[in-house]
């Protein structure tokens, strides 16, 4: 029995040491954003609620967030977390691209759920070239249909988002095809 308890305690501390600062083992992010054959694999995410604009923005990064990155969120600049980070694939980018999804809700903003989503903007930063932003907007039912899962729960004064979204878009000029397939469970921070 003592061996079992010792192994259990050792495993508990090993697992505890592998989580993202500020998040627990039950939080994750996976999937990709892409432009043609340039695929950016996602390793972490964070969500930010901007009460002033009544907008939820979910950021998807190709790296694991650090404690310092989490501090930048409370400073109101989660998009800047990727700036200065190394390229996830230097054969495709000499900078660090990332993705985000902005989400707006209907009149009852306090009731943030799939049925009340009125607009989304899938934002692809730096996939095409440095500092280039591709915005893919969807309204109404088309916006809601972009999600397989969209659930916000609250526990211990902390909102948590579980999201699964995918879509694609062919540009009218340049022949580029953009796509995303993203899944995450992340804390929602206030801006």
N, C-alpha and C. Protein backbone atom coordinates (compact mmCIF):
# COMPACT_ATOMS: atom_id res chain seq x y z
N UNK A 1 0.82 -1.20 0.00
CA UNK A 1 0.00 0.00 0.00
C UNK A 1 0.86 1.25 0.00
N UNK A 2 1.97 1.24 0.79
CA UNK A 2 2.84 2.41 0.85
C UNK A 2 3.47 2.68 -0.51
N UNK A 3 3.84 1.61 -1.24
CA UNK A 3 4.41 1.79 -2.57
C UNK A 3 3.39 2.43 -3.50
N UNK A 4 2.14 1.98 -3.42
CA UNK A 4 1.08 2.54 -4.26
C UNK A 4 0.90 4.03 -3.98
N UNK A 5 0.86 4.40 -2.71
CA UNK A 5 0.69 5.81 -2.34
C UNK A 5 1.90 6.62 -2.80
N UNK A 6 3.09 6.09 -2.64
CA UNK A 6 4.30 6.80 -3.06
C UNK A 6 4.31 7.01 -4.57
N UNK A 7 3.94 5.98 -5.32
CA UNK A 7 3.87 6.11 -6.78
C UNK A 7 2.80 7.11 -7.17
N UNK A 8 1.65 7.05 -6.53
CA UNK A 8 0.55 7.99 -6.81
C UNK A 8 1.00 9.44 -6.56
N UNK A 9 1.64 9.68 -5.42
CA UNK A 9 2.10 11.03 -5.08
C UNK A 9 3.15 11.49 -6.09
N UNK A 10 4.07 10.62 -6.47
CA UNK A 10 5.09 10.96 -7.46
C UNK A 10 4.44 11.31 -8.80
N UNK A 11 3.50 10.49 -9.26
CA UNK A 11 2.80 10.79 -10.51
C UNK A 11 2.02 12.09 -10.43
N UNK A 12 1.40 12.36 -9.29
CA UNK A 12 0.65 13.60 -9.12
C UNK A 12 1.56 14.80 -9.31
N UNK A 13 2.73 14.81 -8.69
CA UNK A 13 3.63 15.95 -8.81
C UNK A 13 4.28 16.03 -10.19
N UNK A 14 4.49 14.90 -10.84
CA UNK A 14 5.01 14.93 -12.21
C UNK A 14 4.00 15.57 -13.16
N UNK A 15 2.75 15.18 -13.04
CA UNK A 15 1.70 15.76 -13.89
C UNK A 15 1.51 17.23 -13.54
N UNK A 16 1.52 17.56 -12.26
CA UNK A 16 1.34 18.94 -11.83
C UNK A 16 2.40 19.85 -12.44
N UNK A 17 3.60 19.33 -12.60
CA UNK A 17 4.69 20.14 -13.13
C UNK A 17 4.65 20.34 -14.63
N UNK A 18 3.70 19.72 -15.35
CA UNK A 18 3.68 19.82 -16.81
C UNK A 18 2.62 20.76 -17.35
N UNK A 19 1.84 21.38 -16.49
CA UNK A 19 0.76 22.21 -17.02
C UNK A 19 1.21 23.63 -17.32
N UNK A 20 0.40 24.30 -18.13
CA UNK A 20 0.66 25.68 -18.50
C UNK A 20 0.45 26.55 -17.27
N UNK A 21 1.37 27.49 -16.99
CA UNK A 21 1.19 28.37 -15.84
C UNK A 21 -0.16 29.08 -15.93
N UNK A 22 -0.89 29.07 -14.83
CA UNK A 22 -2.17 29.74 -14.80
C UNK A 22 -3.31 28.86 -15.28
N UNK A 23 -3.01 27.68 -15.81
CA UNK A 23 -4.05 26.78 -16.26
C UNK A 23 -3.79 25.40 -15.64
N UNK A 24 -4.78 24.51 -15.71
CA UNK A 24 -4.62 23.17 -15.14
C UNK A 24 -4.61 22.14 -16.25
N UNK A 25 -4.44 20.89 -15.87
CA UNK A 25 -4.33 19.81 -16.84
C UNK A 25 -5.56 19.68 -17.73
N UNK A 26 -6.71 20.14 -17.29
CA UNK A 26 -7.93 19.97 -18.08
C UNK A 26 -8.05 21.01 -19.19
N UNK A 27 -7.10 21.93 -19.30
CA UNK A 27 -7.11 22.92 -20.36
C UNK A 27 -6.21 22.45 -21.50
N UNK A 28 -6.64 22.71 -22.74
CA UNK A 28 -5.87 22.25 -23.89
C UNK A 28 -6.19 23.11 -25.10
N UNK A 29 -5.37 22.98 -26.12
CA UNK A 29 -5.64 23.58 -27.43
C UNK A 29 -4.99 22.68 -28.47
N UNK A 30 -5.67 22.51 -29.58
CA UNK A 30 -5.13 21.68 -30.66
C UNK A 30 -5.76 22.08 -31.97
N UNK A 31 -5.15 21.65 -33.04
CA UNK A 31 -5.68 21.92 -34.37
C UNK A 31 -4.72 22.73 -35.20
N UNK A 32 -5.28 23.47 -36.17
CA UNK A 32 -4.43 24.23 -37.08
C UNK A 32 -5.19 25.39 -37.69
N UNK A 33 -4.42 26.34 -38.21
CA UNK A 33 -4.91 27.35 -39.15
C UNK A 33 -3.98 27.23 -40.35
N UNK A 34 -4.49 27.50 -41.56
CA UNK A 34 -3.68 27.26 -42.74
C UNK A 34 -4.00 28.23 -43.86
N UNK A 35 -2.98 28.49 -44.66
CA UNK A 35 -3.14 29.15 -45.95
C UNK A 35 -2.49 28.23 -46.97
N UNK A 36 -3.30 27.68 -47.86
CA UNK A 36 -2.81 26.70 -48.84
C UNK A 36 -2.03 25.61 -48.14
N UNK A 37 -0.74 25.45 -48.44
CA UNK A 37 0.05 24.38 -47.82
C UNK A 37 0.81 24.85 -46.59
N UNK A 38 0.65 26.10 -46.18
CA UNK A 38 1.28 26.61 -44.95
C UNK A 38 0.37 26.32 -43.77
N UNK A 39 0.69 25.27 -43.04
CA UNK A 39 -0.14 24.83 -41.92
C UNK A 39 0.54 25.22 -40.61
N UNK A 40 -0.19 25.94 -39.78
CA UNK A 40 0.29 26.36 -38.46
C UNK A 40 -0.40 25.50 -37.41
N UNK A 41 0.36 24.62 -36.76
CA UNK A 41 -0.19 23.74 -35.74
C UNK A 41 -0.29 24.49 -34.42
N UNK A 42 -1.42 24.37 -33.76
CA UNK A 42 -1.72 25.11 -32.54
C UNK A 42 -1.37 24.29 -31.32
N UNK A 43 -0.74 24.95 -30.32
CA UNK A 43 -0.34 24.27 -29.09
C UNK A 43 -0.98 24.85 -27.84
N UNK A 44 -1.52 26.08 -27.93
CA UNK A 44 -2.13 26.69 -26.74
C UNK A 44 -3.11 27.77 -27.15
N UNK A 45 -3.96 28.16 -26.21
CA UNK A 45 -4.94 29.20 -26.48
C UNK A 45 -5.27 29.95 -25.20
N UNK A 46 -5.90 31.09 -25.39
CA UNK A 46 -6.38 31.90 -24.27
C UNK A 46 -7.57 32.70 -24.78
N UNK A 47 -8.54 32.93 -23.94
CA UNK A 47 -9.73 33.70 -24.32
C UNK A 47 -9.81 34.96 -23.47
N UNK A 48 -10.28 36.04 -24.09
CA UNK A 48 -10.39 37.33 -23.40
C UNK A 48 -11.76 37.93 -23.67
N UNK A 49 -12.46 38.28 -22.59
CA UNK A 49 -13.76 38.95 -22.70
C UNK A 49 -13.55 40.45 -22.56
N UNK A 50 -13.95 41.20 -23.57
CA UNK A 50 -13.87 42.65 -23.54
C UNK A 50 -15.29 43.17 -23.30
N UNK A 51 -15.58 43.50 -22.05
CA UNK A 51 -16.93 43.94 -21.68
C UNK A 51 -17.31 45.25 -22.37
N UNK A 52 -16.33 46.12 -22.58
CA UNK A 52 -16.61 47.41 -23.22
C UNK A 52 -17.11 47.22 -24.65
N UNK A 53 -16.46 46.33 -25.40
CA UNK A 53 -16.86 46.05 -26.79
C UNK A 53 -17.87 44.90 -26.89
N UNK A 54 -18.15 44.25 -25.76
CA UNK A 54 -19.03 43.08 -25.72
C UNK A 54 -18.59 42.03 -26.73
N UNK A 55 -17.30 41.69 -26.65
CA UNK A 55 -16.70 40.76 -27.61
C UNK A 55 -15.80 39.77 -26.87
N UNK A 56 -15.91 38.50 -27.28
CA UNK A 56 -15.03 37.44 -26.78
C UNK A 56 -14.02 37.16 -27.88
N UNK A 57 -12.75 37.15 -27.53
CA UNK A 57 -11.71 36.86 -28.52
C UNK A 57 -10.89 35.68 -28.01
N UNK A 58 -10.76 34.66 -28.85
CA UNK A 58 -10.00 33.46 -28.51
C UNK A 58 -8.75 33.46 -29.36
N UNK A 59 -7.60 33.43 -28.71
CA UNK A 59 -6.30 33.44 -29.39
C UNK A 59 -5.75 32.03 -29.43
N UNK A 60 -5.15 31.67 -30.56
CA UNK A 60 -4.56 30.35 -30.76
C UNK A 60 -3.09 30.52 -31.15
N UNK A 61 -2.20 29.90 -30.38
CA UNK A 61 -0.76 30.08 -30.56
C UNK A 61 -0.05 28.78 -30.92
N UNK A 62 1.06 28.88 -31.67
CA UNK A 62 1.83 27.69 -32.03
C UNK A 62 2.91 27.35 -30.99
N UNK A 63 2.72 27.79 -29.77
CA UNK A 63 3.67 27.54 -28.67
C UNK A 63 2.88 27.46 -27.37
N UNK A 64 3.50 26.90 -26.34
CA UNK A 64 2.89 26.83 -25.01
C UNK A 64 3.06 28.18 -24.32
N UNK A 65 2.01 28.65 -23.69
CA UNK A 65 2.06 29.91 -22.97
C UNK A 65 2.88 29.76 -21.69
N UNK A 66 3.60 30.82 -21.33
CA UNK A 66 4.37 30.85 -20.10
C UNK A 66 3.66 31.73 -19.08
N UNK A 67 4.16 31.75 -17.86
CA UNK A 67 3.60 32.63 -16.82
C UNK A 67 3.70 34.09 -17.26
N UNK A 68 4.79 34.46 -17.91
CA UNK A 68 4.96 35.83 -18.40
C UNK A 68 3.93 36.16 -19.49
N UNK A 69 3.65 35.20 -20.36
CA UNK A 69 2.63 35.40 -21.39
C UNK A 69 1.26 35.65 -20.75
N UNK A 70 0.94 34.88 -19.71
CA UNK A 70 -0.34 35.04 -19.02
C UNK A 70 -0.44 36.44 -18.42
N UNK A 71 0.65 36.97 -17.90
CA UNK A 71 0.65 38.33 -17.33
C UNK A 71 0.32 39.37 -18.40
N UNK A 72 0.78 39.16 -19.62
CA UNK A 72 0.49 40.11 -20.71
C UNK A 72 -1.00 40.18 -21.00
N UNK A 73 -1.71 39.09 -20.77
CA UNK A 73 -3.15 39.07 -21.01
C UNK A 73 -3.83 40.06 -20.08
N UNK A 74 -3.45 40.06 -18.81
CA UNK A 74 -4.07 40.98 -17.86
C UNK A 74 -3.69 42.42 -18.18
N UNK A 75 -2.62 42.63 -18.93
CA UNK A 75 -2.23 43.96 -19.37
C UNK A 75 -3.01 44.42 -20.59
N UNK A 76 -3.83 43.53 -21.16
CA UNK A 76 -4.71 43.90 -22.26
C UNK A 76 -4.12 43.72 -23.64
N UNK A 77 -3.02 42.99 -23.79
CA UNK A 77 -2.40 42.83 -25.11
C UNK A 77 -2.11 41.37 -25.45
N UNK A 78 -3.12 40.50 -25.46
CA UNK A 78 -2.86 39.09 -25.76
C UNK A 78 -2.36 38.84 -27.18
N UNK A 79 -2.69 39.71 -28.12
CA UNK A 79 -2.19 39.54 -29.48
C UNK A 79 -0.70 39.72 -29.58
N UNK A 80 -0.14 40.54 -28.69
CA UNK A 80 1.30 40.81 -28.73
C UNK A 80 2.13 39.67 -28.15
N UNK A 81 1.49 38.69 -27.55
CA UNK A 81 2.24 37.57 -26.97
C UNK A 81 3.12 36.89 -28.02
N UNK A 82 2.64 36.77 -29.25
CA UNK A 82 3.39 36.06 -30.29
C UNK A 82 4.58 36.87 -30.82
N UNK A 83 4.52 38.20 -30.71
CA UNK A 83 5.61 39.02 -31.24
C UNK A 83 6.89 38.75 -30.45
N UNK A 84 7.96 38.49 -31.16
CA UNK A 84 9.23 38.19 -30.52
C UNK A 84 9.44 36.72 -30.23
N UNK A 85 8.41 35.91 -30.41
CA UNK A 85 8.57 34.47 -30.22
C UNK A 85 9.24 33.89 -31.47
N UNK A 86 9.97 32.80 -31.32
CA UNK A 86 10.61 32.20 -32.49
C UNK A 86 9.57 31.60 -33.45
N UNK A 87 9.96 31.51 -34.70
CA UNK A 87 9.11 30.91 -35.72
C UNK A 87 8.87 29.44 -35.39
N UNK A 88 7.63 28.97 -35.55
CA UNK A 88 7.37 27.55 -35.33
C UNK A 88 7.92 26.67 -36.47
N UNK A 89 8.22 27.30 -37.62
CA UNK A 89 8.75 26.59 -38.77
C UNK A 89 9.45 27.60 -39.68
N UNK A 90 10.77 27.70 -39.55
CA UNK A 90 11.52 28.71 -40.29
C UNK A 90 11.53 28.49 -41.80
N UNK A 91 11.14 27.31 -42.26
CA UNK A 91 11.04 27.10 -43.70
C UNK A 91 9.80 27.80 -44.28
N UNK A 92 8.85 28.17 -43.41
CA UNK A 92 7.63 28.86 -43.85
C UNK A 92 7.57 30.31 -43.40
N UNK A 93 8.07 30.59 -42.20
CA UNK A 93 7.97 31.94 -41.63
C UNK A 93 9.26 32.30 -40.90
N UNK A 94 9.62 33.56 -40.97
CA UNK A 94 10.76 34.07 -40.19
C UNK A 94 10.25 34.83 -38.96
N UNK A 95 8.99 34.66 -38.63
CA UNK A 95 8.32 35.30 -37.51
C UNK A 95 7.35 34.28 -36.92
N UNK A 96 6.57 34.68 -35.95
CA UNK A 96 5.63 33.76 -35.30
C UNK A 96 4.19 34.14 -35.63
N UNK A 97 3.55 33.45 -36.57
CA UNK A 97 2.14 33.73 -36.87
C UNK A 97 1.24 33.13 -35.78
N UNK A 98 -0.02 33.54 -35.77
CA UNK A 98 -1.00 32.97 -34.85
C UNK A 98 -2.40 33.25 -35.37
N UNK A 99 -3.38 32.69 -34.72
CA UNK A 99 -4.76 32.88 -35.13
C UNK A 99 -5.62 33.37 -33.97
N UNK A 100 -6.77 33.91 -34.31
CA UNK A 100 -7.73 34.36 -33.29
C UNK A 100 -9.13 34.32 -33.88
N UNK A 101 -10.10 34.20 -33.02
CA UNK A 101 -11.49 34.29 -33.44
C UNK A 101 -12.20 35.28 -32.53
N UNK A 102 -12.74 36.34 -33.12
CA UNK A 102 -13.55 37.31 -32.40
C UNK A 102 -15.00 36.87 -32.51
N UNK A 103 -15.74 36.99 -31.41
CA UNK A 103 -17.12 36.53 -31.37
C UNK A 103 -18.00 37.61 -30.74
N UNK A 104 -19.09 37.94 -31.45
CA UNK A 104 -20.09 38.88 -30.93
C UNK A 104 -21.39 38.12 -30.70
N UNK A 105 -22.15 38.61 -29.71
CA UNK A 105 -23.40 37.96 -29.33
C UNK A 105 -24.57 38.90 -29.54
N UNK A 106 -25.78 38.36 -29.45
CA UNK A 106 -26.99 39.14 -29.64
C UNK A 106 -27.27 40.08 -28.48
N UNK A 107 -28.49 40.55 -28.39
CA UNK A 107 -28.89 41.54 -27.39
C UNK A 107 -28.59 41.10 -25.96
N UNK A 108 -28.80 39.84 -25.67
CA UNK A 108 -28.59 39.33 -24.31
C UNK A 108 -27.14 38.87 -24.16
N UNK A 109 -26.23 39.83 -24.11
CA UNK A 109 -24.81 39.50 -24.05
C UNK A 109 -24.46 38.67 -22.83
N UNK A 110 -25.18 38.86 -21.73
CA UNK A 110 -24.89 38.08 -20.53
C UNK A 110 -25.13 36.59 -20.76
N UNK A 111 -25.90 36.27 -21.79
CA UNK A 111 -26.21 34.88 -22.12
C UNK A 111 -25.33 34.46 -23.31
N UNK A 112 -24.05 34.28 -23.05
CA UNK A 112 -23.09 33.96 -24.10
C UNK A 112 -23.12 32.46 -24.38
N UNK A 113 -23.86 32.09 -25.42
CA UNK A 113 -23.92 30.69 -25.82
C UNK A 113 -24.05 30.63 -27.32
N UNK A 114 -23.93 29.44 -27.87
CA UNK A 114 -23.92 29.26 -29.32
C UNK A 114 -25.13 29.91 -29.99
N UNK A 115 -26.30 29.75 -29.42
CA UNK A 115 -27.52 30.26 -30.03
C UNK A 115 -27.56 31.79 -30.12
N UNK A 116 -26.75 32.47 -29.31
CA UNK A 116 -26.79 33.94 -29.31
C UNK A 116 -25.63 34.57 -30.09
N UNK A 117 -24.78 33.75 -30.72
CA UNK A 117 -23.69 34.29 -31.54
C UNK A 117 -24.29 34.93 -32.79
N UNK A 118 -23.88 36.17 -33.06
CA UNK A 118 -24.39 36.88 -34.24
C UNK A 118 -23.31 37.11 -35.29
N UNK A 119 -22.02 37.05 -34.90
CA UNK A 119 -20.94 37.39 -35.82
C UNK A 119 -19.64 36.79 -35.31
N UNK A 120 -18.82 36.31 -36.25
CA UNK A 120 -17.45 35.90 -35.90
C UNK A 120 -16.50 36.46 -36.95
N UNK A 121 -15.27 36.61 -36.54
CA UNK A 121 -14.19 37.01 -37.43
C UNK A 121 -13.01 36.11 -37.13
N UNK A 122 -12.69 35.23 -38.06
CA UNK A 122 -11.51 34.39 -37.94
C UNK A 122 -10.33 35.21 -38.47
N UNK A 123 -9.36 35.44 -37.60
CA UNK A 123 -8.24 36.32 -37.91
C UNK A 123 -6.97 35.49 -37.99
N UNK A 124 -6.30 35.54 -39.12
CA UNK A 124 -5.05 34.81 -39.33
C UNK A 124 -3.92 35.82 -39.45
N UNK A 125 -3.11 35.88 -38.42
CA UNK A 125 -2.01 36.85 -38.37
C UNK A 125 -0.72 36.23 -38.90
N UNK A 126 -0.18 36.83 -39.95
CA UNK A 126 1.15 36.45 -40.41
C UNK A 126 1.27 35.15 -41.17
N UNK A 127 0.18 34.55 -41.60
CA UNK A 127 0.30 33.31 -42.37
C UNK A 127 0.84 33.59 -43.76
N UNK A 128 0.38 34.67 -44.40
CA UNK A 128 0.79 35.02 -45.75
C UNK A 128 2.15 35.69 -45.77
N UNK A 129 2.29 36.73 -44.97
CA UNK A 129 3.56 37.44 -44.82
C UNK A 129 3.56 38.16 -43.49
N UNK A 130 4.70 38.61 -43.05
CA UNK A 130 4.83 39.26 -41.75
C UNK A 130 3.89 40.46 -41.68
N UNK A 131 3.21 40.56 -40.55
CA UNK A 131 2.29 41.67 -40.24
C UNK A 131 1.06 41.71 -41.15
N UNK A 132 0.83 40.68 -41.95
CA UNK A 132 -0.37 40.62 -42.79
C UNK A 132 -1.49 39.93 -42.00
N UNK A 133 -2.68 40.49 -42.08
CA UNK A 133 -3.83 39.92 -41.38
C UNK A 133 -4.90 39.54 -42.38
N UNK A 134 -5.36 38.31 -42.30
CA UNK A 134 -6.49 37.85 -43.11
C UNK A 134 -7.69 37.75 -42.20
N UNK A 135 -8.77 38.46 -42.54
CA UNK A 135 -10.00 38.45 -41.74
C UNK A 135 -11.10 37.73 -42.52
N UNK A 136 -11.70 36.73 -41.88
CA UNK A 136 -12.78 35.97 -42.50
C UNK A 136 -14.01 36.15 -41.61
N UNK A 137 -14.97 36.94 -42.09
CA UNK A 137 -16.17 37.27 -41.32
C UNK A 137 -17.34 36.38 -41.70
N UNK A 138 -18.13 36.05 -40.68
CA UNK A 138 -19.36 35.29 -40.90
C UNK A 138 -20.44 35.86 -39.98
N UNK A 139 -21.66 35.93 -40.48
CA UNK A 139 -22.78 36.47 -39.72
C UNK A 139 -23.87 35.44 -39.53
N UNK A 140 -24.70 35.68 -38.51
CA UNK A 140 -25.90 34.90 -38.29
C UNK A 140 -25.68 33.40 -38.22
N UNK A 141 -26.52 32.66 -38.93
CA UNK A 141 -26.46 31.20 -38.89
C UNK A 141 -25.12 30.68 -39.42
N UNK A 142 -24.57 31.34 -40.42
CA UNK A 142 -23.27 30.92 -40.95
C UNK A 142 -22.19 31.00 -39.86
N UNK A 143 -22.26 32.03 -39.01
CA UNK A 143 -21.32 32.14 -37.89
C UNK A 143 -21.54 31.00 -36.90
N UNK A 144 -22.77 30.74 -36.53
CA UNK A 144 -23.08 29.66 -35.58
C UNK A 144 -22.69 28.29 -36.15
N UNK A 145 -22.88 28.10 -37.45
CA UNK A 145 -22.54 26.82 -38.09
C UNK A 145 -21.03 26.56 -38.11
N UNK A 146 -20.23 27.58 -37.84
CA UNK A 146 -18.77 27.40 -37.80
C UNK A 146 -18.32 26.65 -36.55
N UNK A 147 -19.22 26.46 -35.59
CA UNK A 147 -18.87 25.81 -34.32
C UNK A 147 -19.52 24.44 -34.20
N UNK A 148 -18.71 23.46 -33.80
CA UNK A 148 -19.25 22.16 -33.39
C UNK A 148 -19.57 22.21 -31.91
N UNK A 149 -18.74 22.96 -31.15
CA UNK A 149 -18.92 23.10 -29.71
C UNK A 149 -18.65 24.55 -29.34
N UNK A 150 -19.51 25.10 -28.49
CA UNK A 150 -19.28 26.42 -27.92
C UNK A 150 -20.03 26.46 -26.59
N UNK A 151 -19.28 26.29 -25.49
CA UNK A 151 -19.88 26.23 -24.16
C UNK A 151 -19.03 27.05 -23.20
N UNK A 152 -19.69 27.94 -22.47
CA UNK A 152 -19.02 28.69 -21.41
C UNK A 152 -19.60 28.23 -20.08
N UNK A 153 -18.71 27.83 -19.17
CA UNK A 153 -19.12 27.43 -17.83
C UNK A 153 -18.40 28.31 -16.82
N UNK A 154 -18.92 28.35 -15.61
CA UNK A 154 -18.29 29.12 -14.53
C UNK A 154 -18.10 28.23 -13.33
N UNK A 155 -16.93 28.35 -12.72
CA UNK A 155 -16.63 27.62 -11.49
C UNK A 155 -15.62 28.44 -10.69
N UNK A 156 -15.90 28.64 -9.44
CA UNK A 156 -14.99 29.37 -8.55
C UNK A 156 -14.63 30.74 -9.13
N UNK A 157 -15.62 31.48 -9.58
CA UNK A 157 -15.42 32.83 -10.14
C UNK A 157 -14.52 32.86 -11.36
N UNK A 158 -14.47 31.77 -12.12
CA UNK A 158 -13.65 31.71 -13.32
C UNK A 158 -14.49 31.16 -14.47
N UNK A 159 -14.63 31.95 -15.54
CA UNK A 159 -15.32 31.46 -16.73
C UNK A 159 -14.35 30.62 -17.56
N UNK A 160 -14.88 29.54 -18.13
CA UNK A 160 -14.09 28.62 -18.95
C UNK A 160 -14.82 28.42 -20.26
N UNK A 161 -14.08 28.47 -21.36
CA UNK A 161 -14.64 28.26 -22.69
C UNK A 161 -14.18 26.91 -23.23
N UNK A 162 -15.15 26.15 -23.74
CA UNK A 162 -14.82 24.95 -24.51
C UNK A 162 -15.34 25.21 -25.91
N UNK A 163 -14.45 25.13 -26.89
CA UNK A 163 -14.81 25.50 -28.25
C UNK A 163 -14.20 24.53 -29.25
N UNK A 164 -14.97 24.28 -30.31
CA UNK A 164 -14.50 23.50 -31.45
C UNK A 164 -15.06 24.20 -32.68
N UNK A 165 -14.18 24.63 -33.58
CA UNK A 165 -14.62 25.38 -34.74
C UNK A 165 -13.79 24.99 -35.96
N UNK A 166 -14.43 25.04 -37.11
CA UNK A 166 -13.70 24.79 -38.34
C UNK A 166 -14.38 25.51 -39.49
N UNK A 167 -13.60 25.78 -40.50
CA UNK A 167 -14.14 26.45 -41.67
C UNK A 167 -13.07 26.64 -42.72
N UNK A 168 -13.49 27.16 -43.85
CA UNK A 168 -12.54 27.47 -44.91
C UNK A 168 -13.06 28.64 -45.73
N UNK A 169 -12.14 29.22 -46.45
CA UNK A 169 -12.47 30.41 -47.24
C UNK A 169 -11.49 30.49 -48.40
N UNK A 170 -12.01 30.70 -49.60
CA UNK A 170 -11.16 30.90 -50.78
C UNK A 170 -11.17 32.39 -51.11
N UNK A 171 -9.97 32.98 -51.22
CA UNK A 171 -9.89 34.41 -51.50
C UNK A 171 -10.33 34.70 -52.93
N UNK A 172 -10.85 35.90 -53.13
CA UNK A 172 -11.31 36.30 -54.46
C UNK A 172 -10.13 36.67 -55.37
N UNK A 173 -9.04 37.09 -54.76
CA UNK A 173 -7.84 37.43 -55.55
C UNK A 173 -6.64 36.69 -54.98
N UNK A 174 -5.77 36.27 -55.80
CA UNK A 174 -4.55 35.60 -55.34
C UNK A 174 -4.64 34.10 -55.25
N UNK A 175 -5.83 33.53 -55.34
CA UNK A 175 -5.97 32.09 -55.36
C UNK A 175 -5.65 31.39 -54.06
N UNK A 176 -5.66 32.08 -52.93
CA UNK A 176 -5.36 31.44 -51.65
C UNK A 176 -6.59 30.80 -51.04
N UNK A 177 -6.37 29.67 -50.39
CA UNK A 177 -7.42 29.00 -49.65
C UNK A 177 -7.00 29.00 -48.18
N UNK A 178 -7.88 29.51 -47.33
CA UNK A 178 -7.61 29.57 -45.89
C UNK A 178 -8.53 28.57 -45.20
N UNK A 179 -8.02 27.96 -44.14
CA UNK A 179 -8.85 27.01 -43.40
C UNK A 179 -8.40 26.96 -41.94
N UNK A 180 -9.30 26.46 -41.10
CA UNK A 180 -8.98 26.27 -39.70
C UNK A 180 -9.79 25.11 -39.16
N UNK A 181 -9.21 24.45 -38.18
CA UNK A 181 -9.85 23.37 -37.44
C UNK A 181 -9.25 23.44 -36.04
N UNK A 182 -9.98 24.01 -35.10
CA UNK A 182 -9.44 24.34 -33.78
C UNK A 182 -10.33 23.79 -32.67
N UNK A 183 -9.69 23.30 -31.63
CA UNK A 183 -10.39 22.84 -30.43
C UNK A 183 -9.62 23.36 -29.23
N UNK A 184 -10.36 23.83 -28.23
CA UNK A 184 -9.70 24.32 -27.03
C UNK A 184 -10.64 24.29 -25.83
N UNK A 185 -10.05 24.21 -24.69
CA UNK A 185 -10.72 24.43 -23.41
C UNK A 185 -9.78 25.34 -22.65
N UNK A 186 -10.21 26.57 -22.40
CA UNK A 186 -9.33 27.57 -21.84
C UNK A 186 -10.07 28.52 -20.90
N UNK A 187 -9.32 29.16 -20.03
CA UNK A 187 -9.90 30.17 -19.14
C UNK A 187 -10.24 31.41 -19.95
N UNK A 188 -11.26 32.12 -19.49
CA UNK A 188 -11.61 33.41 -20.08
C UNK A 188 -11.14 34.49 -19.13
N UNK A 189 -10.26 35.35 -19.61
CA UNK A 189 -9.76 36.48 -18.82
C UNK A 189 -10.53 37.73 -19.20
N UNK A 190 -10.63 38.65 -18.28
CA UNK A 190 -11.28 39.94 -18.56
C UNK A 190 -10.23 40.91 -19.06
N UNK A 191 -10.61 41.70 -20.06
CA UNK A 191 -9.67 42.71 -20.58
C UNK A 191 -9.80 43.97 -19.75
